[in-house]
Amino acid sequence: MLDAIEPEPVASLHPLDLAALGAKPGEVVTVESRRGKIALYARADAGTPRGAIFIPFCYYEAAATS
């Protein structure tokens, strides 16, 4: 069911953070931590706090941990 709603992995960022990175919604962004990195589609979401990135954890192909 989730694949029908959201078939591709996404990273939600506040629109101002996305703009500061020079990225636009729908573009691929790379998120990196000490555990690795993944590439996902960017989503502008004003509900995501500034300085935070929300990545749903339901995508096997884009598993992310903090």
C-alpha atoms as a PDB file:
ATOM      1  CA  MET A   1       0.000   0.000   0.000  1.00  0.00           C
ATOM      2  CA  LEU A   2       2.771   2.448   0.874  1.00  0.00           C
ATOM      3  CA  ASP A   3       4.466   1.882  -2.476  1.00  0.00           C
ATOM      4  CA  ALA A   4       1.300   3.058  -4.231  1.00  0.00           C
ATOM      5  CA  ILE A   5       1.256   6.287  -2.202  1.00  0.00           C
ATOM      6  CA  GLU A   6       4.997   7.019  -2.198  1.00  0.00           C
ATOM      7  CA  PRO A   7       6.885   4.718  -4.598  1.00  0.00           C
ATOM      8  CA  GLU A   8      10.301   6.388  -4.256  1.00  0.00           C
ATOM      9  CA  PRO A   9      12.330   7.146  -1.115  1.00  0.00           C
ATOM     10  CA  VAL A  10      12.294  10.814  -0.124  1.00  0.00           C
ATOM     11  CA  ALA A  11      14.035  13.179   2.256  1.00  0.00           C
ATOM     12  CA  SER A  12      11.858  15.967   3.636  1.00  0.00           C
ATOM     13  CA  LEU A  13      13.606  19.255   4.402  1.00  0.00           C
ATOM     14  CA  HIS A  14      12.368  22.695   5.354  1.00  0.00           C
ATOM     15  CA  PRO A  15      12.087  24.791   2.160  1.00  0.00           C
ATOM     16  CA  LEU A  16      14.689  27.291   3.407  1.00  0.00           C
ATOM     17  CA  ASP A  17      17.179  24.490   4.142  1.00  0.00           C
ATOM     18  CA  LEU A  18      16.564  23.011   0.705  1.00  0.00           C
ATOM     19  CA  ALA A  19      17.181  26.405  -0.907  1.00  0.00           C
ATOM     20  CA  ALA A  20      20.349  26.901   1.166  1.00  0.00           C
ATOM     21  CA  LEU A  21      21.660  23.633  -0.272  1.00  0.00           C
ATOM     22  CA  GLY A  22      20.938  24.872  -3.783  1.00  0.00           C
ATOM     23  CA  ALA A  23      18.496  22.017  -4.381  1.00  0.00           C
ATOM     24  CA  LYS A  24      14.931  21.977  -5.617  1.00  0.00           C
ATOM     25  CA  PRO A  25      12.060  19.648  -4.730  1.00  0.00           C
ATOM     26  CA  GLY A  26      12.239  16.468  -6.782  1.00  0.00           C
ATOM     27  CA  GLU A  27      15.995  16.605  -7.264  1.00  0.00           C
ATOM     28  CA  VAL A  28      18.187  13.862  -5.862  1.00  0.00           C
ATOM     29  CA  VAL A  29      20.071  14.808  -2.698  1.00  0.00           C
ATOM     30  CA  THR A  30      22.656  12.755  -0.824  1.00  0.00           C
ATOM     31  CA  VAL A  31      22.321  12.429   2.932  1.00  0.00           C
ATOM     32  CA  GLU A  32      25.429  11.284   4.780  1.00  0.00           C
ATOM     33  CA  SER A  33      26.107  10.314   8.381  1.00  0.00           C
ATOM     34  CA  ARG A  34      28.881   8.435  10.125  1.00  0.00           C
ATOM     35  CA  ARG A  35      27.043   5.213   9.189  1.00  0.00           C
ATOM     36  CA  GLY A  36      26.962   5.812   5.445  1.00  0.00           C
ATOM     37  CA  LYS A  37      25.159   7.765   2.777  1.00  0.00           C
ATOM     38  CA  ILE A  38      22.045   7.428   0.649  1.00  0.00           C
ATOM     39  CA  ALA A  39      20.605   9.336  -2.299  1.00  0.00           C
ATOM     40  CA  LEU A  40      16.917  10.262  -2.173  1.00  0.00           C
ATOM     41  CA  TYR A  41      14.481  12.628  -3.804  1.00  0.00           C
ATOM     42  CA  ALA A  42      14.163  15.963  -2.006  1.00  0.00           C
ATOM     43  CA  ARG A  43      10.825  17.150  -0.729  1.00  0.00           C
ATOM     44  CA  ALA A  44      10.159  20.665   0.562  1.00  0.00           C
ATOM     45  CA  ASP A  45       8.106  20.404   3.749  1.00  0.00           C
ATOM     46  CA  ALA A  46       7.485  23.463   5.905  1.00  0.00           C
ATOM     47  CA  GLY A  47       6.479  21.096   8.724  1.00  0.00           C
ATOM     48  CA  THR A  48      10.027  19.736   8.958  1.00  0.00           C
ATOM     49  CA  PRO A  49      11.988  21.805  11.511  1.00  0.00           C
ATOM     50  CA  ARG A  50      14.878  23.907  10.213  1.00  0.00           C
ATOM     51  CA  GLY A  51      18.121  21.959  10.387  1.00  0.00           C
ATOM     52  CA  ALA A  52      16.384  18.567  10.404  1.00  0.00           C
ATOM     53  CA  ILE A  53      15.844  15.977   7.690  1.00  0.00           C
ATOM     54  CA  PHE A  54      13.000  13.480   7.842  1.00  0.00           C
ATOM     55  CA  ILE A  55      13.513  10.192   6.017  1.00  0.00           C
ATOM     56  CA  PRO A  56      10.771   7.572   6.273  1.00  0.00           C
ATOM     57  CA  PHE A  57      12.256   4.268   7.359  1.00  0.00           C
ATOM     58  CA  CYS A  58       9.934   2.062   5.282  1.00  0.00           C
ATOM     59  CA  TYR A  59      12.170   1.879   2.186  1.00  0.00           C
ATOM     60  CA  TYR A  60      14.386  -1.187   2.041  1.00  0.00           C
ATOM     61  CA  GLU A  61      16.436   0.287  -0.824  1.00  0.00           C
ATOM     62  CA  ALA A  62      17.101   3.481   1.152  1.00  0.00           C
ATOM     63  CA  ALA A  63      17.401   2.300   4.731  1.00  0.00           C
ATOM     64  CA  ALA A  64      18.652   5.091   6.950  1.00  0.00           C
ATOM     65  CA  THR A  65      19.736   5.050  10.582  1.00  0.00           C
ATOM     66  CA  SER A  66      21.112   7.836  12.700  1.00  0.00           C
END
